[in-house]
Amino acid sequence: MSAAAQASATATTPSWLDLVRRKVEGLSYGQVYIVVHDHQVTQIECLEKTRIAPTRTSAVRDERGE
């Protein structure tokens, strides 16, 4: 997309849509909620999750039932 076309698209894009785009681009795992009241976007919520790989010792404990 050319710079002029991108500037034109940005000028017509609602600000809330740009904010949602930035929130989604910043997430590895999580959810973005858009809250609407009276046909208007009023709130954007972002829930980010951090995934931690289980260690080998906790996997062995789970197999033993501990």
N, C-alpha and C. Protein backbone atom coordinates (compact mmCIF):
# COMPACT_ATOMS: atom_id res chain seq x y z
N MET A 1 0.85 -1.17 0.00
CA MET A 1 0.00 0.00 0.00
C MET A 1 0.90 1.23 0.00
N SER A 2 0.57 2.18 -0.87
CA SER A 2 1.37 3.40 -0.95
C SER A 2 1.17 4.25 0.31
N ALA A 3 2.08 5.17 0.53
CA ALA A 3 1.98 6.04 1.71
C ALA A 3 0.72 6.89 1.65
N ALA A 4 0.37 7.37 0.45
CA ALA A 4 -0.84 8.20 0.30
C ALA A 4 -2.10 7.38 0.58
N ALA A 5 -2.12 6.15 0.09
CA ALA A 5 -3.29 5.29 0.33
C ALA A 5 -3.39 4.92 1.80
N GLN A 6 -2.25 4.66 2.44
CA GLN A 6 -2.25 4.34 3.87
C GLN A 6 -2.70 5.54 4.69
N ALA A 7 -2.26 6.73 4.34
CA ALA A 7 -2.68 7.94 5.06
C ALA A 7 -4.17 8.16 4.89
N SER A 8 -4.68 7.90 3.68
CA SER A 8 -6.11 8.06 3.43
C SER A 8 -6.91 7.03 4.24
N ALA A 9 -6.43 5.79 4.27
CA ALA A 9 -7.12 4.74 5.03
C ALA A 9 -7.09 5.06 6.52
N THR A 10 -5.97 5.60 7.01
CA THR A 10 -5.86 5.96 8.42
C THR A 10 -6.81 7.11 8.77
N ALA A 11 -6.97 8.04 7.85
CA ALA A 11 -7.84 9.19 8.10
C ALA A 11 -9.30 8.76 8.23
N THR A 12 -9.69 7.69 7.53
CA THR A 12 -11.09 7.24 7.58
C THR A 12 -11.31 6.12 8.60
N THR A 13 -10.23 5.60 9.19
CA THR A 13 -10.36 4.53 10.18
C THR A 13 -10.72 5.13 11.53
N PRO A 14 -11.77 4.59 12.17
CA PRO A 14 -12.11 5.10 13.52
C PRO A 14 -10.95 4.89 14.49
N SER A 15 -10.76 5.81 15.41
CA SER A 15 -9.64 5.72 16.36
C SER A 15 -9.71 4.45 17.20
N TRP A 16 -10.93 4.00 17.54
CA TRP A 16 -11.05 2.79 18.35
C TRP A 16 -10.54 1.57 17.58
N LEU A 17 -10.69 1.56 16.28
CA LEU A 17 -10.22 0.43 15.49
C LEU A 17 -8.69 0.38 15.48
N ASP A 18 -8.05 1.53 15.41
CA ASP A 18 -6.59 1.57 15.51
C ASP A 18 -6.12 1.08 16.88
N LEU A 19 -6.84 1.44 17.92
CA LEU A 19 -6.49 0.99 19.26
C LEU A 19 -6.63 -0.52 19.40
N VAL A 20 -7.70 -1.08 18.86
CA VAL A 20 -7.89 -2.53 18.89
C VAL A 20 -6.78 -3.22 18.12
N ARG A 21 -6.43 -2.69 16.98
CA ARG A 21 -5.35 -3.26 16.17
C ARG A 21 -4.04 -3.29 16.96
N ARG A 22 -3.71 -2.20 17.65
CA ARG A 22 -2.48 -2.16 18.45
C ARG A 22 -2.53 -3.16 19.60
N LYS A 23 -3.69 -3.30 20.25
CA LYS A 23 -3.82 -4.25 21.35
C LYS A 23 -3.60 -5.68 20.86
N VAL A 24 -4.20 -6.03 19.73
CA VAL A 24 -4.08 -7.38 19.19
C VAL A 24 -2.65 -7.66 18.75
N GLU A 25 -2.02 -6.70 18.10
CA GLU A 25 -0.64 -6.88 17.66
C GLU A 25 0.31 -7.07 18.83
N GLY A 26 -0.02 -6.53 20.00
CA GLY A 26 0.85 -6.64 21.17
C GLY A 26 0.66 -7.91 21.97
N LEU A 27 -0.31 -8.74 21.61
CA LEU A 27 -0.60 -9.95 22.38
C LEU A 27 0.04 -11.19 21.77
N SER A 28 0.57 -12.06 22.63
CA SER A 28 0.96 -13.40 22.20
C SER A 28 -0.17 -14.36 22.51
N TYR A 29 -0.71 -14.25 23.72
CA TYR A 29 -1.86 -15.04 24.15
C TYR A 29 -2.79 -14.09 24.91
N GLY A 30 -4.06 -14.17 24.66
CA GLY A 30 -4.98 -13.33 25.42
C GLY A 30 -6.25 -13.03 24.65
N GLN A 31 -6.97 -12.04 25.13
CA GLN A 31 -8.26 -11.67 24.55
C GLN A 31 -8.40 -10.16 24.56
N VAL A 32 -9.09 -9.66 23.54
CA VAL A 32 -9.42 -8.24 23.47
C VAL A 32 -10.94 -8.17 23.40
N TYR A 33 -11.55 -7.45 24.34
CA TYR A 33 -13.00 -7.28 24.40
C TYR A 33 -13.36 -5.87 23.95
N ILE A 34 -14.38 -5.78 23.13
CA ILE A 34 -14.89 -4.48 22.70
C ILE A 34 -16.28 -4.31 23.30
N VAL A 35 -16.46 -3.27 24.09
CA VAL A 35 -17.74 -3.00 24.75
C VAL A 35 -18.47 -1.92 23.96
N VAL A 36 -19.74 -2.19 23.63
CA VAL A 36 -20.54 -1.27 22.83
C VAL A 36 -21.77 -0.84 23.62
N HIS A 37 -22.06 0.45 23.63
CA HIS A 37 -23.28 1.00 24.24
C HIS A 37 -23.90 1.96 23.24
N ASP A 38 -25.18 1.81 22.99
CA ASP A 38 -25.90 2.68 22.06
C ASP A 38 -25.19 2.82 20.72
N HIS A 39 -24.78 1.68 20.17
CA HIS A 39 -24.16 1.63 18.84
C HIS A 39 -22.79 2.31 18.79
N GLN A 40 -22.17 2.56 19.91
CA GLN A 40 -20.85 3.20 19.97
C GLN A 40 -19.88 2.34 20.78
N VAL A 41 -18.67 2.23 20.31
CA VAL A 41 -17.63 1.55 21.09
C VAL A 41 -17.27 2.47 22.25
N THR A 42 -17.45 1.96 23.47
CA THR A 42 -17.20 2.78 24.65
C THR A 42 -16.02 2.30 25.48
N GLN A 43 -15.60 1.06 25.27
CA GLN A 43 -14.53 0.52 26.11
C GLN A 43 -13.83 -0.61 25.39
N ILE A 44 -12.54 -0.72 25.59
CA ILE A 44 -11.75 -1.81 25.05
C ILE A 44 -10.97 -2.41 26.21
N GLU A 45 -11.16 -3.72 26.42
CA GLU A 45 -10.48 -4.41 27.51
C GLU A 45 -9.51 -5.42 26.90
N CYS A 46 -8.36 -5.53 27.53
CA CYS A 46 -7.33 -6.44 27.04
C CYS A 46 -6.91 -7.35 28.19
N LEU A 47 -7.00 -8.65 27.96
CA LEU A 47 -6.57 -9.63 28.96
C LEU A 47 -5.40 -10.40 28.36
N GLU A 48 -4.24 -10.22 28.95
CA GLU A 48 -3.05 -10.89 28.44
C GLU A 48 -2.70 -12.06 29.33
N LYS A 49 -2.36 -13.18 28.71
CA LYS A 49 -1.98 -14.37 29.46
C LYS A 49 -0.50 -14.64 29.24
N THR A 50 0.14 -15.11 30.28
CA THR A 50 1.54 -15.51 30.20
C THR A 50 1.60 -17.01 30.38
N ARG A 51 2.07 -17.70 29.37
CA ARG A 51 2.15 -19.16 29.42
C ARG A 51 3.50 -19.57 29.97
N ILE A 52 3.49 -20.44 30.94
CA ILE A 52 4.72 -20.94 31.55
C ILE A 52 4.75 -22.44 31.32
N ALA A 53 5.82 -22.91 30.70
CA ALA A 53 5.95 -24.33 30.42
C ALA A 53 6.18 -25.07 31.74
N PRO A 54 5.52 -26.22 31.91
CA PRO A 54 5.72 -26.98 33.15
C PRO A 54 7.15 -27.51 33.23
N THR A 55 7.67 -27.56 34.43
CA THR A 55 9.02 -28.11 34.62
C THR A 55 8.94 -29.62 34.66
N ARG A 56 10.03 -30.27 34.44
CA ARG A 56 10.05 -31.73 34.41
C ARG A 56 9.64 -32.31 35.77
N THR A 57 10.04 -31.69 36.87
CA THR A 57 9.71 -32.22 38.19
C THR A 57 8.20 -32.17 38.45
N SER A 58 7.51 -31.13 37.99
CA SER A 58 6.08 -31.08 38.23
C SER A 58 5.35 -32.08 37.33
N ALA A 59 5.88 -32.40 36.16
CA ALA A 59 5.26 -33.39 35.30
C ALA A 59 5.39 -34.78 35.93
N VAL A 60 6.52 -35.06 36.58
CA VAL A 60 6.72 -36.34 37.25
C VAL A 60 5.77 -36.43 38.44
N ARG A 61 5.58 -35.35 39.20
CA ARG A 61 4.66 -35.36 40.33
C ARG A 61 3.24 -35.65 39.88
N ASP A 62 2.82 -35.06 38.76
CA ASP A 62 1.47 -35.29 38.26
C ASP A 62 1.24 -36.74 37.89
N GLU A 63 2.24 -37.39 37.34
CA GLU A 63 2.10 -38.80 36.98
C GLU A 63 1.98 -39.68 38.21
N ARG A 64 2.61 -39.28 39.30
CA ARG A 64 2.55 -40.05 40.54
C ARG A 64 1.28 -39.76 41.32
N GLY A 65 0.57 -38.71 40.95
CA GLY A 65 -0.65 -38.35 41.68
C GLY A 65 -0.39 -37.48 42.89
N GLU A 66 0.73 -36.82 42.94
CA GLU A 66 1.06 -35.96 44.09
C GLU A 66 0.54 -34.57 43.89
